PDB file of N, CA and C in Angstrom:
ATOM      1  N   MET A   1       0.930  -1.216  -0.395  1.00  0.00           N
ATOM      2  CA  MET A   1      -0.317  -0.057   0.200  1.00  0.00           C
ATOM      3  C   MET A   1       1.362   0.721   0.004  1.00  0.00           C
ATOM      4  N   VAL A   2       1.919   1.334   0.929  1.00  0.00           N
ATOM      5  CA  VAL A   2       2.599   2.543   0.929  1.00  0.00           C
ATOM      6  C   VAL A   2       3.613   2.850  -0.524  1.00  0.00           C
ATOM      7  N   MET A   3       4.033   2.035  -1.166  1.00  0.00           N
ATOM      8  CA  MET A   3       4.628   1.775  -2.324  1.00  0.00           C
ATOM      9  C   MET A   3       3.339   2.203  -3.614  1.00  0.00           C
ATOM     10  N   ALA A   4       2.312   1.659  -3.521  1.00  0.00           N
ATOM     11  CA  ALA A   4       1.257   2.144  -4.377  1.00  0.00           C
ATOM     12  C   ALA A   4       0.773   3.282  -4.060  1.00  0.00           C
ATOM     13  N   LEU A   5       0.766   4.240  -2.847  1.00  0.00           N
ATOM     14  CA  LEU A   5       0.493   5.217  -2.975  1.00  0.00           C
ATOM     15  C   LEU A   5       1.060   6.240  -3.109  1.00  0.00           C
ATOM     16  N   ASN A   6       3.006   6.115  -2.959  1.00  0.00           N
ATOM     17  CA  ASN A   6       3.087   6.913  -3.354  1.00  0.00           C
ATOM     18  C   ASN A   6       3.714   7.189  -4.474  1.00  0.00           C
ATOM     19  N   ALA A   7       3.475   5.984  -5.281  1.00  0.00           N
ATOM     20  CA  ALA A   7       4.083   5.685  -6.679  1.00  0.00           C
ATOM     21  C   ALA A   7       2.698   6.511  -7.596  1.00  0.00           C
ATOM     22  N   ILE A   8       1.669   6.796  -6.836  1.00  0.00           N
ATOM     23  CA  ILE A   8       0.655   7.356  -7.770  1.00  0.00           C
ATOM     24  C   ILE A   8       0.426   8.826  -6.806  1.00  0.00           C
ATOM     25  N   GLN A   9       0.844   9.116  -5.997  1.00  0.00           N
ATOM     26  CA  GLN A   9       1.023  10.607  -5.848  1.00  0.00           C
ATOM     27  C   GLN A   9       0.289  10.883  -4.829  1.00  0.00           C
ATOM     28  N   ALA A  10      -0.823   9.769  -4.051  1.00  0.00           N
ATOM     29  CA  ALA A  10      -1.595  10.246  -3.352  1.00  0.00           C
ATOM     30  C   ALA A  10      -1.353  12.075  -2.347  1.00  0.00           C
ATOM     31  N   PRO A  11      -2.254  12.130  -1.978  1.00  0.00           N
ATOM     32  CA  PRO A  11      -2.005  13.381  -0.602  1.00  0.00           C
ATOM     33  C   PRO A  11      -1.127  12.508   0.203  1.00  0.00           C
ATOM     34  N   ALA A  12       0.016  12.902   0.522  1.00  0.00           N
ATOM     35  CA  ALA A  12       0.220  12.068   1.632  1.00  0.00           C
ATOM     36  C   ALA A  12       0.691  13.215   3.269  1.00  0.00           C
ATOM     37  N   PRO A  13       0.668  12.549   4.380  1.00  0.00           N
ATOM     38  CA  PRO A  13       0.951  12.845   5.235  1.00  0.00           C
ATOM     39  C   PRO A  13       2.832  13.590   5.546  1.00  0.00           C
ATOM     40  N   THR A  14       2.709  14.317   6.542  1.00  0.00           N
ATOM     41  CA  THR A  14       4.656  14.803   6.780  1.00  0.00           C
ATOM     42  C   THR A  14       5.012  13.720   7.101  1.00  0.00           C
ATOM     43  N   SER A  15       6.374  13.453   7.531  1.00  0.00           N
ATOM     44  CA  SER A  15       7.043  12.794   8.355  1.00  0.00           C
ATOM     45  C   SER A  15       7.959  12.776   8.714  1.00  0.00           C
ATOM     46  N   PRO A  16       8.577  13.727   9.941  1.00  0.00           N
ATOM     47  CA  PRO A  16       9.509  13.924  10.567  1.00  0.00           C
ATOM     48  C   PRO A  16      11.215  13.300   9.641  1.00  0.00           C
ATOM     49  N   GLU A  17      10.929  11.612   9.105  1.00  0.00           N
ATOM     50  CA  GLU A  17      12.657  11.533   8.591  1.00  0.00           C
ATOM     51  C   GLU A  17      12.480  11.684   7.407  1.00  0.00           C
ATOM     52  N   TYR A  18      11.568  12.516   6.994  1.00  0.00           N
ATOM     53  CA  TYR A  18      11.492  12.975   4.941  1.00  0.00           C
ATOM     54  C   TYR A  18      10.866  14.252   4.997  1.00  0.00           C
ATOM     55  N   GLN A  19      11.396  14.759   5.708  1.00  0.00           N
ATOM     56  CA  GLN A  19      10.944  16.704   6.287  1.00  0.00           C
ATOM     57  C   GLN A  19      12.045  17.047   4.690  1.00  0.00           C
ATOM     58  N   PRO A  20      11.193  17.940   3.998  1.00  0.00           N
ATOM     59  CA  PRO A  20       9.779  18.719   3.881  1.00  0.00           C
ATOM     60  C   PRO A  20       9.066  17.343   3.540  1.00  0.00           C
ATOM     61  N   PHE A  21       9.452  16.826   2.958  1.00  0.00           N
ATOM     62  CA  PHE A  21       8.463  15.826   1.701  1.00  0.00           C
ATOM     63  C   PHE A  21       7.556  15.377   2.351  1.00  0.00           C
ATOM     64  N   HIS A  22       6.828  15.260   2.102  1.00  0.00           N
ATOM     65  CA  HIS A  22       5.204  14.576   2.286  1.00  0.00           C
ATOM     66  C   HIS A  22       5.235  12.900   1.956  1.00  0.00           C
ATOM     67  N   THR A  23       5.307  11.702   2.485  1.00  0.00           N
ATOM     68  CA  THR A  23       5.597  10.274   1.800  1.00  0.00           C
ATOM     69  C   THR A  23       4.642   9.906   2.864  1.00  0.00           C
ATOM     70  N   PHE A  24       4.111   8.439   2.460  1.00  0.00           N
ATOM     71  CA  PHE A  24       3.769   7.306   3.042  1.00  0.00           C
ATOM     72  C   PHE A  24       5.051   6.231   3.455  1.00  0.00           C
ATOM     73  N   THR A  25       4.556   6.144   4.702  1.00  0.00           N
ATOM     74  CA  THR A  25       5.069   4.835   5.199  1.00  0.00           C
ATOM     75  C   THR A  25       4.720   4.065   6.173  1.00  0.00           C
ATOM     76  N   GLN A  26       4.398   3.077   6.338  1.00  0.00           N
ATOM     77  CA  GLN A  26       4.261   2.052   7.589  1.00  0.00           C
ATOM     78  C   GLN A  26       3.951   2.823   8.612  1.00  0.00           C
ATOM     79  N   ASP A  27       4.388   3.706   9.239  1.00  0.00           N
ATOM     80  CA  ASP A  27       4.404   4.087  10.194  1.00  0.00           C
ATOM     81  C   ASP A  27       3.010   5.443  10.437  1.00  0.00           C
ATOM     82  N   ASN A  28       3.502   6.075   9.350  1.00  0.00           N
ATOM     83  CA  ASN A  28       2.053   6.965   9.056  1.00  0.00           C
ATOM     84  C   ASN A  28       0.901   6.625   8.872  1.00  0.00           C
ATOM     85  N   LEU A  29       1.306   5.172   7.711  1.00  0.00           N
ATOM     86  CA  LEU A  29      -0.020   4.769   6.874  1.00  0.00           C
ATOM     87  C   LEU A  29      -0.904   3.471   8.044  1.00  0.00           C
ATOM     88  N   LEU A  30      -0.553   3.189   9.078  1.00  0.00           N
ATOM     89  CA  LEU A  30      -1.292   2.509   9.960  1.00  0.00           C
ATOM     90  C   LEU A  30      -1.492   3.406  11.050  1.00  0.00           C
ATOM     91  N   ASP A  31      -2.252   3.550  11.171  1.00  0.00           N
ATOM     92  CA  ASP A  31      -2.954   4.575  12.542  1.00  0.00           C
ATOM     93  C   ASP A  31      -4.245   3.607  13.118  1.00  0.00           C
ATOM     94  N   ASP A  32      -4.725   4.579  13.640  1.00  0.00           N
ATOM     95  CA  ASP A  32      -6.279   4.128  14.946  1.00  0.00           C
ATOM     96  C   ASP A  32      -7.676   3.993  13.563  1.00  0.00           C
ATOM     97  N   ARG A  33      -7.584   4.916  12.727  1.00  0.00           N
ATOM     98  CA  ARG A  33      -8.487   4.712  11.758  1.00  0.00           C
ATOM     99  C   ARG A  33      -8.281   2.926  11.089  1.00  0.00           C
ATOM    100  N   THR A  34      -7.340   2.980  10.719  1.00  0.00           N
ATOM    101  CA  THR A  34      -6.746   1.223  10.255  1.00  0.00           C
ATOM    102  C   THR A  34      -6.870   0.265  11.204  1.00  0.00           C
ATOM    103  N   GLU A  35      -6.390   0.523  12.401  1.00  0.00           N
ATOM    104  CA  GLU A  35      -6.739  -0.399  13.197  1.00  0.00           C
ATOM    105  C   GLU A  35      -8.123  -1.175  13.625  1.00  0.00           C
ATOM    106  N   ALA A  36      -9.160   0.534  12.979  1.00  0.00           N
ATOM    107  CA  ALA A  36     -10.486  -0.303  13.538  1.00  0.00           C
ATOM    108  C   ALA A  36     -10.909  -1.305  12.222  1.00  0.00           C
ATOM    109  N   ILE A  37     -10.050  -1.203  10.996  1.00  0.00           N
ATOM    110  CA  ILE A  37     -10.136  -2.427  10.656  1.00  0.00           C
ATOM    111  C   ILE A  37      -9.404  -3.205  10.390  1.00  0.00           C
ATOM    112  N   LEU A  38      -8.173  -3.451  10.927  1.00  0.00           N
ATOM    113  CA  LEU A  38      -7.623  -4.729  10.782  1.00  0.00           C
ATOM    114  C   LEU A  38      -6.664  -3.992  11.907  1.00  0.00           C
ATOM    115  N   PRO A  39      -6.422  -4.375  13.080  1.00  0.00           N
ATOM    116  CA  PRO A  39      -5.308  -4.575  13.989  1.00  0.00           C
ATOM    117  C   PRO A  39      -4.015  -5.017  13.239  1.00  0.00           C
ATOM    118  N   ARG A  40      -3.406  -4.064  13.662  1.00  0.00           N
ATOM    119  CA  ARG A  40      -1.736  -4.617  13.558  1.00  0.00           C
ATOM    120  C   ARG A  40      -1.138  -5.690  13.793  1.00  0.00           C
ATOM    121  N   ALA A  41      -1.617  -6.143  15.012  1.00  0.00           N
ATOM    122  CA  ALA A  41      -1.511  -7.275  15.395  1.00  0.00           C
ATOM    123  C   ALA A  41      -1.895  -8.580  14.481  1.00  0.00           C
ATOM    124  N   ILE A  42      -2.990  -8.557  13.972  1.00  0.00           N
ATOM    125  CA  ILE A  42      -3.437  -9.282  13.133  1.00  0.00           C
ATOM    126  C   ILE A  42      -2.528  -9.424  11.977  1.00  0.00           C
ATOM    127  N   LEU A  43      -2.393  -8.272  11.317  1.00  0.00           N
ATOM    128  CA  LEU A  43      -1.815  -8.274   9.927  1.00  0.00           C
ATOM    129  C   LEU A  43      -0.017  -8.401  10.183  1.00  0.00           C
ATOM    130  N   SER A  44       0.403  -8.614  10.529  1.00  0.00           N
ATOM    131  CA  SER A  44       1.658  -9.316  10.713  1.00  0.00           C
ATOM    132  C   SER A  44       1.684 -10.343  11.064  1.00  0.00           C
ATOM    133  N   ARG A  45       0.322 -10.867  11.948  1.00  0.00           N
ATOM    134  CA  ARG A  45       0.561 -12.406  12.275  1.00  0.00           C
ATOM    135  C   ARG A  45      -0.224 -13.089  10.425  1.00  0.00           C
ATOM    136  N   GLN A  46      -0.965 -12.708   9.886  1.00  0.00           N
ATOM    137  CA  GLN A  46      -1.631 -13.321   9.389  1.00  0.00           C
ATOM    138  C   GLN A  46      -1.946 -12.595   7.831  1.00  0.00           C
ATOM    139  N   GLY A  47      -1.285 -11.168   7.416  1.00  0.00           N
ATOM    140  CA  GLY A  47      -1.282 -10.779   6.308  1.00  0.00           C
ATOM    141  C   GLY A  47      -3.115  -9.767   6.465  1.00  0.00           C
ATOM    142  N   MET A  48      -4.018  -9.605   4.723  1.00  0.00           N
ATOM    143  CA  MET A  48      -4.747  -8.550   4.761  1.00  0.00           C
ATOM    144  C   MET A  48      -5.675  -9.602   3.443  1.00  0.00           C
ATOM    145  N   THR A  49      -6.575  -9.740   3.581  1.00  0.00           N
ATOM    146  CA  THR A  49      -7.855 -10.494   2.549  1.00  0.00           C
ATOM    147  C   THR A  49      -7.737  -8.951   1.537  1.00  0.00           C
ATOM    148  N   LEU A  50      -8.488  -8.895   0.335  1.00  0.00           N
ATOM    149  CA  LEU A  50      -8.259  -7.821  -0.924  1.00  0.00           C
ATOM    150  C   LEU A  50      -9.119  -6.722  -0.481  1.00  0.00           C
ATOM    151  N   ASP A  51     -10.193  -7.862   0.354  1.00  0.00           N
ATOM    152  CA  ASP A  51     -11.246  -6.775   0.529  1.00  0.00           C
ATOM    153  C   ASP A  51     -10.940  -6.091   1.387  1.00  0.00           C
ATOM    154  N   GLN A  52      -9.930  -6.059   2.549  1.00  0.00           N
ATOM    155  CA  GLN A  52      -9.443  -5.467   3.668  1.00  0.00           C
ATOM    156  C   GLN A  52      -8.223  -4.446   3.207  1.00  0.00           C
ATOM    157  N   LEU A  53      -7.553  -4.986   1.864  1.00  0.00           N
ATOM    158  CA  LEU A  53      -6.903  -3.698   1.643  1.00  0.00           C
ATOM    159  C   LEU A  53      -7.684  -2.501   0.936  1.00  0.00           C
ATOM    160  N   GLY A  54      -9.134  -3.048   0.068  1.00  0.00           N
ATOM    161  CA  GLY A  54     -10.010  -1.738  -0.098  1.00  0.00           C
ATOM    162  C   GLY A  54     -10.212  -1.256   0.775  1.00  0.00           C
ATOM    163  N   GLN A  55     -10.905  -1.856   1.926  1.00  0.00           N
ATOM    164  CA  GLN A  55     -11.320  -0.898   2.978  1.00  0.00           C
ATOM    165  C   GLN A  55      -9.920  -0.003   3.027  1.00  0.00           C
ATOM    166  N   LEU A  56      -8.818  -0.365   3.709  1.00  0.00           N
ATOM    167  CA  LEU A  56      -7.508   0.488   4.142  1.00  0.00           C
ATOM    168  C   LEU A  56      -7.362   1.208   2.810  1.00  0.00           C
ATOM    169  N   LEU A  57      -7.254   1.331   1.869  1.00  0.00           N
ATOM    170  CA  LEU A  57      -7.097   2.336   0.655  1.00  0.00           C
ATOM    171  C   LEU A  57      -7.923   3.145   0.976  1.00  0.00           C
ATOM    172  N   SER A  58      -9.245   2.773   1.010  1.00  0.00           N
ATOM    173  CA  SER A  58     -10.553   3.653   0.408  1.00  0.00           C
ATOM    174  C   SER A  58     -10.479   5.108   2.084  1.00  0.00           C
ATOM    175  N   LEU A  59      -9.485   4.584   3.107  1.00  0.00           N
ATOM    176  CA  LEU A  59      -9.096   5.847   3.873  1.00  0.00           C
ATOM    177  C   LEU A  59      -9.143   6.864   3.091  1.00  0.00           C
ATOM    178  N   HIS A  60      -8.148   6.828   2.544  1.00  0.00           N
ATOM    179  CA  HIS A  60      -7.143   7.798   1.634  1.00  0.00           C
ATOM    180  C   HIS A  60      -7.889   8.004   0.493  1.00  0.00           C
ATOM    181  N   PRO A  61      -7.621   9.065  -0.363  1.00  0.00           N
ATOM    182  CA  PRO A  61      -8.058  10.352  -1.373  1.00  0.00           C
ATOM    183  C   PRO A  61      -8.118   9.538  -2.565  1.00  0.00           C
ATOM    184  N   VAL A  62      -7.870   8.026  -2.990  1.00  0.00           N
ATOM    185  CA  VAL A  62      -7.963   7.307  -3.992  1.00  0.00           C
ATOM    186  C   VAL A  62      -9.414   7.039  -4.311  1.00  0.00           C
ATOM    187  N   LYS A  63      -9.602   6.000  -5.697  1.00  0.00           N
ATOM    188  CA  LYS A  63     -10.577   5.098  -5.836  1.00  0.00           C
ATOM    189  C   LYS A  63     -10.252   4.257  -6.078  1.00  0.00           C
ATOM    190  N   VAL A  64     -10.893   3.725  -5.244  1.00  0.00           N
ATOM    191  CA  VAL A  64     -10.786   2.094  -4.692  1.00  0.00           C
ATOM    192  C   VAL A  64     -12.009   0.747  -5.336  1.00  0.00           C
ATOM    193  N   GLU A  65     -11.954   0.259  -6.040  1.00  0.00           N
ATOM    194  CA  GLU A  65     -12.372  -0.558  -6.704  1.00  0.00           C
ATOM    195  C   GLU A  65     -11.808  -2.223  -6.400  1.00  0.00           C
ATOM    196  N   VAL A  66     -12.359  -3.563  -5.846  1.00  0.00           N
ATOM    197  CA  VAL A  66     -12.205  -4.389  -5.354  1.00  0.00           C
ATOM    198  C   VAL A  66     -13.270  -5.162  -6.528  1.00  0.00           C
ATOM    199  N   HIS A  67     -12.151  -6.183  -7.123  1.00  0.00           N
ATOM    200  CA  HIS A  67     -12.768  -6.934  -7.918  1.00  0.00           C
ATOM    201  C   HIS A  67     -12.172  -8.880  -7.869  1.00  0.00           C
ATOM    202  N   HIS A  68     -12.787  -9.208  -6.926  1.00  0.00           N
ATOM    203  CA  HIS A  68     -12.153 -11.101  -7.400  1.00  0.00           C
ATOM    204  C   HIS A  68     -12.259 -11.712  -8.579  1.00  0.00           C
ATOM    205  N   ALA A  69     -11.684 -12.765  -8.864  1.00  0.00           N
ATOM    206  CA  ALA A  69     -11.712 -13.081 -10.611  1.00  0.00           C
ATOM    207  C   ALA A  69     -12.043 -14.277 -10.092  1.00  0.00           C
ATOM    208  N   THR A  70     -12.846 -14.854  -8.796  1.00  0.00           N
ATOM    209  CA  THR A  70     -14.275 -15.854  -8.818  1.00  0.00           C
ATOM    210  C   THR A  70     -15.033 -15.485  -8.919  1.00  0.00           C
ATOM    211  N   GLU A  71     -15.137 -13.890  -9.278  1.00  0.00           N
ATOM    212  CA  GLU A  71     -16.460 -13.789  -9.596  1.00  0.00           C
ATOM    213  C   GLU A  71     -16.955 -13.750 -10.749  1.00  0.00           C
ATOM    214  N   ARG A  72     -16.310 -13.172 -11.639  1.00  0.00           N
ATOM    215  CA  ARG A  72     -17.111 -13.510 -12.975  1.00  0.00           C
ATOM    216  C   ARG A  72     -16.342 -14.465 -13.771  1.00  0.00           C
ATOM    217  N   GLY A  73     -15.234 -15.264 -13.246  1.00  0.00           N
ATOM    218  CA  GLY A  73     -14.415 -16.176 -14.070  1.00  0.00           C
ATOM    219  C   GLY A  73     -12.928 -15.118 -14.265  1.00  0.00           C
ATOM    220  N   LEU A  74     -12.263 -15.777 -14.552  1.00  0.00           N
ATOM    221  CA  LEU A  74     -10.852 -15.517 -14.597  1.00  0.00           C
ATOM    222  C   LEU A  74     -10.368 -15.145 -15.569  1.00  0.00           C
ATOM    223  N   ASP A  75     -11.215 -15.320 -17.468  1.00  0.00           N
ATOM    224  CA  ASP A  75     -10.581 -14.776 -18.492  1.00  0.00           C
ATOM    225  C   ASP A  75     -11.481 -13.204 -18.413  1.00  0.00           C
ATOM    226  N   GLU A  76     -13.002 -13.246 -17.687  1.00  0.00           N
ATOM    227  CA  GLU A  76     -13.819 -12.185 -16.737  1.00  0.00           C
ATOM    228  C   GLU A  76     -12.632 -10.936 -16.932  1.00  0.00           C
ATOM    229  N   PHE A  77     -12.481 -12.044 -15.815  1.00  0.00           N
ATOM    230  CA  PHE A  77     -10.898 -10.554 -15.006  1.00  0.00           C
ATOM    231  C   PHE A  77     -10.030  -9.748 -15.551  1.00  0.00           C
ATOM    232  N   ARG A  78      -9.189 -11.201 -16.491  1.00  0.00           N
ATOM    233  CA  ARG A  78      -8.123 -10.747 -17.261  1.00  0.00           C
ATOM    234  C   ARG A  78      -9.059  -9.304 -18.215  1.00  0.00           C
ATOM    235  N   LYS A  79     -10.282  -9.763 -19.223  1.00  0.00           N
ATOM    236  CA  LYS A  79     -10.180  -8.008 -19.783  1.00  0.00           C
ATOM    237  C   LYS A  79     -10.753  -7.601 -19.107  1.00  0.00           C
ATOM    238  N   THR A  80     -11.153  -7.119 -17.955  1.00  0.00           N
ATOM    239  CA  THR A  80     -11.482  -5.890 -17.491  1.00  0.00           C
ATOM    240  C   THR A  80     -10.321  -5.888 -16.658  1.00  0.00           C
ATOM    241  N   ALA A  81      -9.355  -6.206 -16.457  1.00  0.00           N
ATOM    242  CA  ALA A  81      -7.853  -5.683 -15.854  1.00  0.00           C
ATOM    243  C   ALA A  81      -7.396  -5.306 -16.884  1.00  0.00           C
ATOM    244  N   SER A  82      -7.121  -5.988 -17.986  1.00  0.00           N
ATOM    245  CA  SER A  82      -6.545  -4.843 -19.762  1.00  0.00           C
ATOM    246  C   SER A  82      -7.460  -3.763 -20.026  1.00  0.00           C
ATOM    247  N   GLU A  83      -8.644  -4.188 -19.860  1.00  0.00           N
ATOM    248  CA  GLU A  83      -9.471  -2.608 -20.402  1.00  0.00           C
ATOM    249  C   GLU A  83      -9.189  -0.917 -19.439  1.00  0.00           C
ATOM    250  N   TYR A  84      -8.680  -1.785 -18.187  1.00  0.00           N
ATOM    251  CA  TYR A  84      -8.374  -0.313 -17.431  1.00  0.00           C
ATOM    252  C   TYR A  84      -7.489  -0.218 -17.465  1.00  0.00           C
ATOM    253  N   LEU A  85      -6.036  -0.785 -18.004  1.00  0.00           N
ATOM    254  CA  LEU A  85      -5.000  -0.558 -18.218  1.00  0.00           C
ATOM    255  C   LEU A  85      -4.920  -0.025 -18.854  1.00  0.00           C
ATOM    256  N   ALA A  86      -5.476  -0.362 -20.279  1.00  0.00           N
ATOM    257  CA  ALA A  86      -5.367   0.288 -20.951  1.00  0.00           C
ATOM    258  C   ALA A  86      -5.929   2.115 -21.070  1.00  0.00           C
ATOM    259  N   THR A  87      -6.949   1.958 -20.378  1.00  0.00           N
ATOM    260  CA  THR A  87      -6.902   3.708 -20.511  1.00  0.00           C
ATOM    261  C   THR A  87      -6.633   4.672 -19.266  1.00  0.00           C
ATOM    262  N   LYS A  88      -6.889   5.707 -18.970  1.00  0.00           N
ATOM    263  CA  LYS A  88      -5.744   6.540 -18.602  1.00  0.00           C
ATOM    264  C   LYS A  88      -6.671   7.169 -17.572  1.00  0.00           C
ATOM    265  N   LYS A  89      -7.392   7.015 -16.873  1.00  0.00           N
ATOM    266  CA  LYS A  89      -8.470   7.083 -15.820  1.00  0.00           C
ATOM    267  C   LYS A  89      -7.649   7.748 -14.348  1.00  0.00           C
ATOM    268  N   PRO A  90      -7.916   8.899 -13.693  1.00  0.00           N
ATOM    269  CA  PRO A  90      -7.356   9.260 -12.573  1.00  0.00           C
ATOM    270  C   PRO A  90      -7.236   8.376 -11.473  1.00  0.00           C
ATOM    271  N   LEU A  91      -6.053   8.532 -10.724  1.00  0.00           N
ATOM    272  CA  LEU A  91      -6.100   7.421  -9.597  1.00  0.00           C
ATOM    273  C   LEU A  91      -6.776   8.070  -8.260  1.00  0.00           C
ATOM    274  N   CYS A  92      -6.120   9.366  -8.401  1.00  0.00           N
ATOM    275  CA  CYS A  92      -6.190   9.761  -7.135  1.00  0.00           C
ATOM    276  C   CYS A  92      -7.510  10.965  -7.075  1.00  0.00           C
ATOM    277  N   GLY A  93      -8.314  11.355  -5.900  1.00  0.00           N
ATOM    278  CA  GLY A  93      -9.155  12.445  -6.290  1.00  0.00           C
ATOM    279  C   GLY A  93      -9.980  12.948  -4.894  1.00  0.00           C
ATOM    280  N   SER A  94     -10.521  13.930  -4.735  1.00  0.00           N
ATOM    281  CA  SER A  94     -10.999  13.749  -3.312  1.00  0.00           C
ATOM    282  C   SER A  94     -12.460  13.649  -3.163  1.00  0.00           C
TER     283      SER A  94
END
């Protein structure tokens, strides 16, 4: 999540170790809001599901759509992913 949010240049908080730049780090990404969705203790032991990832990302000003490959089959998932990647849609938004 940190790499993806930084790569799309989502609005990031300040971080003392990277002043004057605004950047996501694991320390400033995981906070009280994320703890309510997925506690750090659980995250560090077992990771997260795709739905939890979507919930955590939706806490930030980015457009989030969660699609499971099994919902409509692998071929349909690949087609949807290819079509999406072929367009230039904004990734960040308020």
